[in-house]
Amino acid sequence: MSKYEPLRQFLKSKGLAEIRMTFADIERVLGFELPNSQRYAAWWSNNPTNNVMTNEWLEAGYRTEQVDIEGRKLVFRRVPSSGSRPADQAARDPATDLKPRRHPGFGLMKDVTTVASGIDLTAPTGGDWASSA
């Protein structure tokens, strides 16, 4: 059980099309303070791989909208159930599709390329590239 499960149960119990909440309201439902990352818009995104709390509101059938970080408030909006739209539309509409889909070629080159030990791909190239320009 996730420590954020009380949020999912709260949202499901309301069953409303729209639920306006402050961050303090969410903290009361959870019984503890939100992490410091709540200060960033990414924390409130609807990406299911974002964080554990995101999965809870998505599982409850809601998406976040109108996130106001400074005002510490947001809106949870109910997502139409997948049964209310044709399957082919769900596949074509990534904006409303909650399950991320990867390109069929994703991972195709896995284990094909190796980097020699001692090579830091993130290190600046500095003079190496400057001299070739």
N, C-alpha and C. Protein backbone atom coordinates (compact mmCIF):
# COMPACT_ATOMS: atom_id res chain seq x y z
N MET A 1 0.83 -1.17 0.00
CA MET A 1 0.00 0.00 0.00
C MET A 1 0.89 1.25 0.00
N SER A 2 0.59 2.16 -0.90
CA SER A 2 1.33 3.41 -1.01
C SER A 2 0.90 4.37 0.10
N LYS A 3 1.83 5.17 0.57
CA LYS A 3 1.46 6.15 1.59
C LYS A 3 0.53 7.22 1.03
N TYR A 4 0.42 7.27 -0.31
CA TYR A 4 -0.47 8.24 -0.95
C TYR A 4 -1.85 7.65 -1.28
N GLU A 5 -2.07 6.40 -0.92
CA GLU A 5 -3.35 5.75 -1.21
C GLU A 5 -4.55 6.49 -0.62
N PRO A 6 -4.45 7.13 0.54
CA PRO A 6 -5.62 7.88 1.04
C PRO A 6 -6.13 8.93 0.05
N LEU A 7 -5.24 9.49 -0.77
CA LEU A 7 -5.68 10.45 -1.77
C LEU A 7 -6.55 9.76 -2.81
N ARG A 8 -6.11 8.58 -3.26
CA ARG A 8 -6.92 7.84 -4.25
C ARG A 8 -8.29 7.52 -3.68
N GLN A 9 -8.33 7.03 -2.46
CA GLN A 9 -9.61 6.68 -1.85
C GLN A 9 -10.50 7.91 -1.67
N PHE A 10 -9.90 9.03 -1.30
CA PHE A 10 -10.66 10.27 -1.15
C PHE A 10 -11.28 10.69 -2.48
N LEU A 11 -10.47 10.69 -3.54
CA LEU A 11 -10.98 11.11 -4.85
C LEU A 11 -12.08 10.17 -5.34
N LYS A 12 -11.86 8.86 -5.18
CA LYS A 12 -12.88 7.89 -5.59
C LYS A 12 -14.17 8.07 -4.81
N SER A 13 -14.06 8.36 -3.53
CA SER A 13 -15.26 8.50 -2.71
C SER A 13 -16.08 9.72 -3.11
N LYS A 14 -15.42 10.75 -3.61
CA LYS A 14 -16.13 11.96 -4.04
C LYS A 14 -16.87 11.70 -5.35
N GLY A 15 -16.20 11.08 -6.30
CA GLY A 15 -16.82 10.75 -7.58
C GLY A 15 -17.30 11.94 -8.38
N LEU A 16 -16.80 13.13 -8.10
CA LEU A 16 -17.23 14.34 -8.79
C LEU A 16 -16.44 14.53 -10.09
N ALA A 17 -17.01 15.30 -11.01
CA ALA A 17 -16.32 15.59 -12.26
C ALA A 17 -15.11 16.49 -12.01
N GLU A 18 -15.20 17.34 -10.99
CA GLU A 18 -14.14 18.29 -10.69
C GLU A 18 -14.01 18.43 -9.18
N ILE A 19 -12.78 18.34 -8.69
CA ILE A 19 -12.52 18.52 -7.26
C ILE A 19 -11.41 19.56 -7.11
N ARG A 20 -11.76 20.70 -6.55
CA ARG A 20 -10.77 21.76 -6.30
C ARG A 20 -10.18 21.55 -4.91
N MET A 21 -8.85 21.55 -4.85
CA MET A 21 -8.18 21.33 -3.57
C MET A 21 -6.97 22.24 -3.43
N THR A 22 -6.68 22.59 -2.20
CA THR A 22 -5.41 23.26 -1.92
C THR A 22 -4.40 22.18 -1.56
N PHE A 23 -3.14 22.55 -1.58
CA PHE A 23 -2.12 21.59 -1.18
C PHE A 23 -2.32 21.20 0.29
N ALA A 24 -2.78 22.17 1.09
CA ALA A 24 -3.06 21.89 2.51
C ALA A 24 -4.19 20.86 2.64
N ASP A 25 -5.21 20.95 1.76
CA ASP A 25 -6.29 19.95 1.78
C ASP A 25 -5.72 18.56 1.51
N ILE A 26 -4.84 18.48 0.53
CA ILE A 26 -4.23 17.19 0.18
C ILE A 26 -3.42 16.67 1.36
N GLU A 27 -2.68 17.55 2.01
CA GLU A 27 -1.89 17.13 3.18
C GLU A 27 -2.79 16.64 4.31
N ARG A 28 -3.95 17.26 4.48
CA ARG A 28 -4.89 16.78 5.51
C ARG A 28 -5.41 15.39 5.16
N VAL A 29 -5.72 15.15 3.89
CA VAL A 29 -6.20 13.83 3.46
C VAL A 29 -5.11 12.79 3.69
N LEU A 30 -3.87 13.14 3.36
CA LEU A 30 -2.77 12.19 3.49
C LEU A 30 -2.32 11.99 4.94
N GLY A 31 -2.44 13.04 5.73
CA GLY A 31 -1.99 12.96 7.12
C GLY A 31 -0.53 13.32 7.30
N PHE A 32 0.09 13.88 6.28
CA PHE A 32 1.48 14.33 6.37
C PHE A 32 1.73 15.39 5.31
N GLU A 33 2.85 16.10 5.45
CA GLU A 33 3.18 17.16 4.51
C GLU A 33 3.67 16.59 3.18
N LEU A 34 3.38 17.30 2.11
CA LEU A 34 3.87 16.92 0.79
C LEU A 34 5.39 17.13 0.75
N PRO A 35 6.09 16.38 -0.11
CA PRO A 35 7.55 16.56 -0.19
C PRO A 35 7.90 17.92 -0.82
N ASN A 36 9.14 18.32 -0.68
CA ASN A 36 9.58 19.60 -1.24
C ASN A 36 9.38 19.68 -2.75
N SER A 37 9.39 18.55 -3.42
CA SER A 37 9.21 18.55 -4.88
C SER A 37 7.84 19.04 -5.30
N GLN A 38 6.90 19.20 -4.36
CA GLN A 38 5.59 19.73 -4.70
C GLN A 38 5.68 21.18 -5.18
N ARG A 39 6.84 21.80 -5.00
CA ARG A 39 7.05 23.18 -5.45
C ARG A 39 7.31 23.27 -6.95
N TYR A 40 7.41 22.14 -7.62
CA TYR A 40 7.72 22.12 -9.05
C TYR A 40 6.54 21.55 -9.83
N ALA A 41 6.27 22.16 -10.97
CA ALA A 41 5.13 21.74 -11.79
C ALA A 41 5.23 20.26 -12.18
N ALA A 42 6.44 19.78 -12.39
CA ALA A 42 6.61 18.38 -12.80
C ALA A 42 6.01 17.40 -11.80
N TRP A 43 6.04 17.75 -10.52
CA TRP A 43 5.46 16.87 -9.49
C TRP A 43 3.98 16.64 -9.74
N TRP A 44 3.30 17.64 -10.30
CA TRP A 44 1.86 17.58 -10.50
C TRP A 44 1.48 17.13 -11.90
N SER A 45 2.46 16.76 -12.72
CA SER A 45 2.13 16.32 -14.08
C SER A 45 1.38 15.00 -14.04
N ASN A 46 0.73 14.67 -15.12
CA ASN A 46 -0.07 13.45 -15.20
C ASN A 46 0.69 12.29 -15.83
N ASN A 47 2.00 12.37 -15.82
CA ASN A 47 2.84 11.30 -16.35
C ASN A 47 2.87 10.16 -15.33
N PRO A 48 2.38 8.98 -15.70
CA PRO A 48 2.30 7.87 -14.74
C PRO A 48 3.65 7.41 -14.21
N THR A 49 4.74 7.75 -14.89
CA THR A 49 6.05 7.36 -14.38
C THR A 49 6.66 8.46 -13.53
N ASN A 50 5.91 9.52 -13.30
CA ASN A 50 6.41 10.69 -12.57
C ASN A 50 6.73 10.39 -11.11
N ASN A 51 5.73 9.99 -10.35
CA ASN A 51 5.94 9.69 -8.93
C ASN A 51 4.79 8.82 -8.42
N VAL A 52 4.94 8.33 -7.23
CA VAL A 52 3.94 7.42 -6.66
C VAL A 52 2.59 8.10 -6.49
N MET A 53 2.59 9.36 -6.08
CA MET A 53 1.32 10.05 -5.86
C MET A 53 0.54 10.23 -7.17
N THR A 54 1.26 10.48 -8.27
CA THR A 54 0.60 10.61 -9.57
C THR A 54 -0.22 9.37 -9.88
N ASN A 55 0.35 8.21 -9.63
CA ASN A 55 -0.38 6.96 -9.90
C ASN A 55 -1.67 6.88 -9.11
N GLU A 56 -1.68 7.42 -7.91
CA GLU A 56 -2.88 7.35 -7.07
C GLU A 56 -4.03 8.15 -7.67
N TRP A 57 -3.77 9.39 -8.13
CA TRP A 57 -4.89 10.14 -8.70
C TRP A 57 -5.27 9.61 -10.07
N LEU A 58 -4.31 9.06 -10.81
CA LEU A 58 -4.66 8.44 -12.10
C LEU A 58 -5.50 7.19 -11.88
N GLU A 59 -5.12 6.37 -10.89
CA GLU A 59 -5.89 5.16 -10.57
C GLU A 59 -7.30 5.51 -10.10
N ALA A 60 -7.46 6.66 -9.47
CA ALA A 60 -8.79 7.10 -9.02
C ALA A 60 -9.62 7.62 -10.18
N GLY A 61 -8.98 7.79 -11.35
CA GLY A 61 -9.70 8.26 -12.53
C GLY A 61 -9.67 9.77 -12.70
N TYR A 62 -8.65 10.41 -12.16
CA TYR A 62 -8.54 11.87 -12.24
C TYR A 62 -7.22 12.30 -12.87
N ARG A 63 -7.23 13.53 -13.38
CA ARG A 63 -6.04 14.20 -13.89
C ARG A 63 -5.93 15.55 -13.17
N THR A 64 -4.72 16.05 -13.05
CA THR A 64 -4.55 17.38 -12.47
C THR A 64 -4.66 18.44 -13.56
N GLU A 65 -5.25 19.56 -13.20
CA GLU A 65 -5.37 20.72 -14.10
C GLU A 65 -5.24 21.97 -13.26
N GLN A 66 -4.99 23.08 -13.92
CA GLN A 66 -4.94 24.39 -13.27
C GLN A 66 -4.08 24.37 -12.01
N VAL A 67 -2.93 23.76 -12.11
CA VAL A 67 -2.02 23.70 -10.96
C VAL A 67 -1.41 25.08 -10.74
N ASP A 68 -1.63 25.62 -9.57
CA ASP A 68 -1.12 26.94 -9.19
C ASP A 68 -0.13 26.74 -8.05
N ILE A 69 1.15 26.67 -8.40
CA ILE A 69 2.19 26.38 -7.41
C ILE A 69 2.24 27.50 -6.36
N GLU A 70 2.23 28.76 -6.81
CA GLU A 70 2.31 29.89 -5.86
C GLU A 70 1.09 29.93 -4.94
N GLY A 71 -0.10 29.72 -5.51
CA GLY A 71 -1.33 29.74 -4.72
C GLY A 71 -1.58 28.44 -3.98
N ARG A 72 -0.74 27.42 -4.26
CA ARG A 72 -0.84 26.10 -3.62
C ARG A 72 -2.24 25.51 -3.76
N LYS A 73 -2.71 25.45 -5.02
CA LYS A 73 -4.02 24.84 -5.28
C LYS A 73 -4.04 24.23 -6.67
N LEU A 74 -5.00 23.36 -6.89
CA LEU A 74 -5.14 22.69 -8.17
C LEU A 74 -6.56 22.15 -8.32
N VAL A 75 -6.82 21.60 -9.49
CA VAL A 75 -8.11 20.97 -9.77
C VAL A 75 -7.84 19.54 -10.21
N PHE A 76 -8.56 18.59 -9.62
CA PHE A 76 -8.56 17.21 -10.10
C PHE A 76 -9.80 17.08 -10.98
N ARG A 77 -9.61 16.67 -12.24
CA ARG A 77 -10.73 16.51 -13.16
C ARG A 77 -10.87 15.04 -13.52
N ARG A 78 -12.09 14.54 -13.42
CA ARG A 78 -12.36 13.14 -13.75
C ARG A 78 -12.08 12.89 -15.22
N VAL A 79 -11.40 11.79 -15.49
CA VAL A 79 -11.10 11.38 -16.85
C VAL A 79 -12.21 10.44 -17.29
N PRO A 80 -12.76 10.65 -18.50
CA PRO A 80 -13.79 9.71 -18.96
C PRO A 80 -13.23 8.29 -18.97
N SER A 81 -14.04 7.34 -18.55
CA SER A 81 -13.56 5.95 -18.54
C SER A 81 -13.29 5.50 -19.96
N SER A 82 -12.38 4.55 -20.10
CA SER A 82 -11.98 4.10 -21.43
C SER A 82 -13.15 3.49 -22.18
N GLY A 83 -14.19 3.05 -21.48
CA GLY A 83 -15.35 2.49 -22.14
C GLY A 83 -16.21 3.52 -22.84
N SER A 84 -15.98 4.81 -22.56
CA SER A 84 -16.81 5.84 -23.15
C SER A 84 -16.31 6.34 -24.49
N ARG A 85 -15.18 5.83 -24.95
CA ARG A 85 -14.68 6.23 -26.26
C ARG A 85 -14.18 5.01 -27.00
N PRO A 86 -14.26 5.00 -28.30
CA PRO A 86 -13.83 3.84 -29.07
C PRO A 86 -12.34 3.56 -28.87
N ALA A 87 -11.98 2.29 -28.93
CA ALA A 87 -10.60 1.89 -28.70
C ALA A 87 -9.65 2.53 -29.70
N ASP A 88 -10.08 2.66 -30.97
CA ASP A 88 -9.18 3.24 -31.96
C ASP A 88 -8.94 4.72 -31.67
N GLN A 89 -9.90 5.42 -31.10
CA GLN A 89 -9.70 6.82 -30.73
C GLN A 89 -8.72 6.91 -29.56
N ALA A 90 -8.83 6.01 -28.61
CA ALA A 90 -7.92 6.02 -27.47
C ALA A 90 -6.49 5.82 -27.93
N ALA A 91 -6.29 4.98 -28.93
CA ALA A 91 -4.96 4.72 -29.43
C ALA A 91 -4.39 5.93 -30.17
N ARG A 92 -5.25 6.75 -30.78
CA ARG A 92 -4.80 7.90 -31.56
C ARG A 92 -4.68 9.17 -30.73
N ASP A 93 -5.20 9.20 -29.54
CA ASP A 93 -5.28 10.44 -28.77
C ASP A 93 -4.36 10.38 -27.55
N PRO A 94 -3.04 10.63 -27.74
CA PRO A 94 -2.12 10.51 -26.62
C PRO A 94 -2.36 11.53 -25.51
N ALA A 95 -3.02 12.64 -25.82
CA ALA A 95 -3.26 13.66 -24.79
C ALA A 95 -4.20 13.15 -23.71
N THR A 96 -5.09 12.23 -24.05
CA THR A 96 -6.02 11.71 -23.06
C THR A 96 -5.73 10.26 -22.70
N ASP A 97 -4.73 9.68 -23.31
CA ASP A 97 -4.38 8.29 -23.03
C ASP A 97 -3.48 8.25 -21.80
N LEU A 98 -3.86 7.54 -20.77
CA LEU A 98 -3.09 7.52 -19.53
C LEU A 98 -1.93 6.54 -19.57
N LYS A 99 -1.94 5.61 -20.52
CA LYS A 99 -0.87 4.64 -20.60
C LYS A 99 0.13 5.08 -21.67
N PRO A 100 1.37 5.36 -21.27
CA PRO A 100 2.34 5.78 -22.27
C PRO A 100 2.65 4.63 -23.22
N ARG A 101 2.82 4.97 -24.47
CA ARG A 101 3.14 3.95 -25.47
C ARG A 101 4.50 4.28 -26.05
N ARG A 102 5.32 3.29 -26.16
CA ARG A 102 6.65 3.50 -26.72
C ARG A 102 6.64 3.12 -28.19
N HIS A 103 7.53 3.74 -28.91
CA HIS A 103 7.70 3.43 -30.33
C HIS A 103 8.14 1.96 -30.43
N PRO A 104 7.66 1.24 -31.47
CA PRO A 104 8.03 -0.18 -31.60
C PRO A 104 9.54 -0.41 -31.68
N GLY A 105 10.27 0.60 -32.12
CA GLY A 105 11.72 0.46 -32.22
C GLY A 105 12.47 0.76 -30.93
N PHE A 106 11.72 1.14 -29.88
CA PHE A 106 12.36 1.46 -28.61
C PHE A 106 13.12 0.24 -28.10
N GLY A 107 14.38 0.43 -27.77
CA GLY A 107 15.20 -0.65 -27.22
C GLY A 107 15.84 -1.53 -28.28
N LEU A 108 15.63 -1.20 -29.54
CA LEU A 108 16.15 -2.02 -30.63
C LEU A 108 17.67 -2.17 -30.57
N MET A 109 18.36 -1.13 -30.16
CA MET A 109 19.82 -1.16 -30.14
C MET A 109 20.40 -1.54 -28.77
N LYS A 110 19.54 -2.00 -27.88
CA LYS A 110 20.01 -2.36 -26.54
C LYS A 110 21.11 -3.41 -26.63
N ASP A 111 22.16 -3.20 -25.87
CA ASP A 111 23.32 -4.11 -25.79
C ASP A 111 24.11 -4.21 -27.08
N VAL A 112 23.88 -3.31 -28.04
CA VAL A 112 24.62 -3.33 -29.29
C VAL A 112 25.84 -2.42 -29.19
N THR A 113 25.69 -1.31 -28.51
CA THR A 113 26.76 -0.34 -28.39
C THR A 113 27.32 -0.37 -26.97
N THR A 114 28.64 -0.31 -26.86
CA THR A 114 29.26 -0.24 -25.54
C THR A 114 30.20 0.96 -25.50
N VAL A 115 30.40 1.48 -24.33
CA VAL A 115 31.31 2.60 -24.13
C VAL A 115 32.49 2.08 -23.32
N ALA A 116 33.69 2.37 -23.83
CA ALA A 116 34.90 1.89 -23.16
C ALA A 116 34.96 2.45 -21.75
N SER A 117 35.50 1.66 -20.83
CA SER A 117 35.58 2.13 -19.45
C SER A 117 36.50 3.35 -19.39
N GLY A 118 36.17 4.26 -18.50
CA GLY A 118 36.96 5.48 -18.36
C GLY A 118 36.48 6.62 -19.24
N ILE A 119 35.50 6.37 -20.11
CA ILE A 119 34.95 7.41 -20.98
C ILE A 119 33.73 8.01 -20.30
N ASP A 120 33.73 9.33 -20.16
CA ASP A 120 32.59 10.04 -19.57
C ASP A 120 31.86 10.77 -20.69
N LEU A 121 30.73 10.25 -21.10
CA LEU A 121 29.98 10.85 -22.21
C LEU A 121 29.39 12.21 -21.86
N THR A 122 29.36 12.54 -20.58
CA THR A 122 28.80 13.83 -20.18
C THR A 122 29.86 14.90 -20.00
N ALA A 123 31.12 14.53 -20.11
CA ALA A 123 32.20 15.50 -19.92
C ALA A 123 32.25 16.46 -21.12
N PRO A 124 32.54 17.74 -20.87
CA PRO A 124 32.65 18.69 -21.98
C PRO A 124 33.81 18.30 -22.89
N THR A 125 33.64 18.56 -24.17
CA THR A 125 34.68 18.20 -25.13
C THR A 125 35.73 19.28 -25.23
N GLY A 126 35.35 20.52 -24.91
CA GLY A 126 36.30 21.63 -24.89
C GLY A 126 37.11 21.75 -26.16
N GLY A 127 38.42 21.64 -26.03
CA GLY A 127 39.32 21.86 -27.15
C GLY A 127 39.20 20.85 -28.27
N ASP A 128 38.75 19.63 -27.99
CA ASP A 128 38.65 18.62 -29.04
C ASP A 128 37.77 19.11 -30.18
N TRP A 129 36.64 19.69 -29.88
CA TRP A 129 35.72 20.14 -30.92
C TRP A 129 36.11 21.52 -31.43
N ALA A 130 36.68 22.34 -30.57
CA ALA A 130 37.04 23.70 -30.98
C ALA A 130 38.09 23.67 -32.08
N SER A 131 39.03 22.74 -32.02
CA SER A 131 40.09 22.68 -33.02
C SER A 131 39.61 22.14 -34.36
N SER A 132 38.50 21.43 -34.40
CA SER A 132 38.02 20.86 -35.66
C SER A 132 37.08 21.80 -36.40
N ALA A 133 36.72 22.93 -35.80
CA ALA A 133 35.75 23.84 -36.42
C ALA A 133 36.36 24.73 -37.44
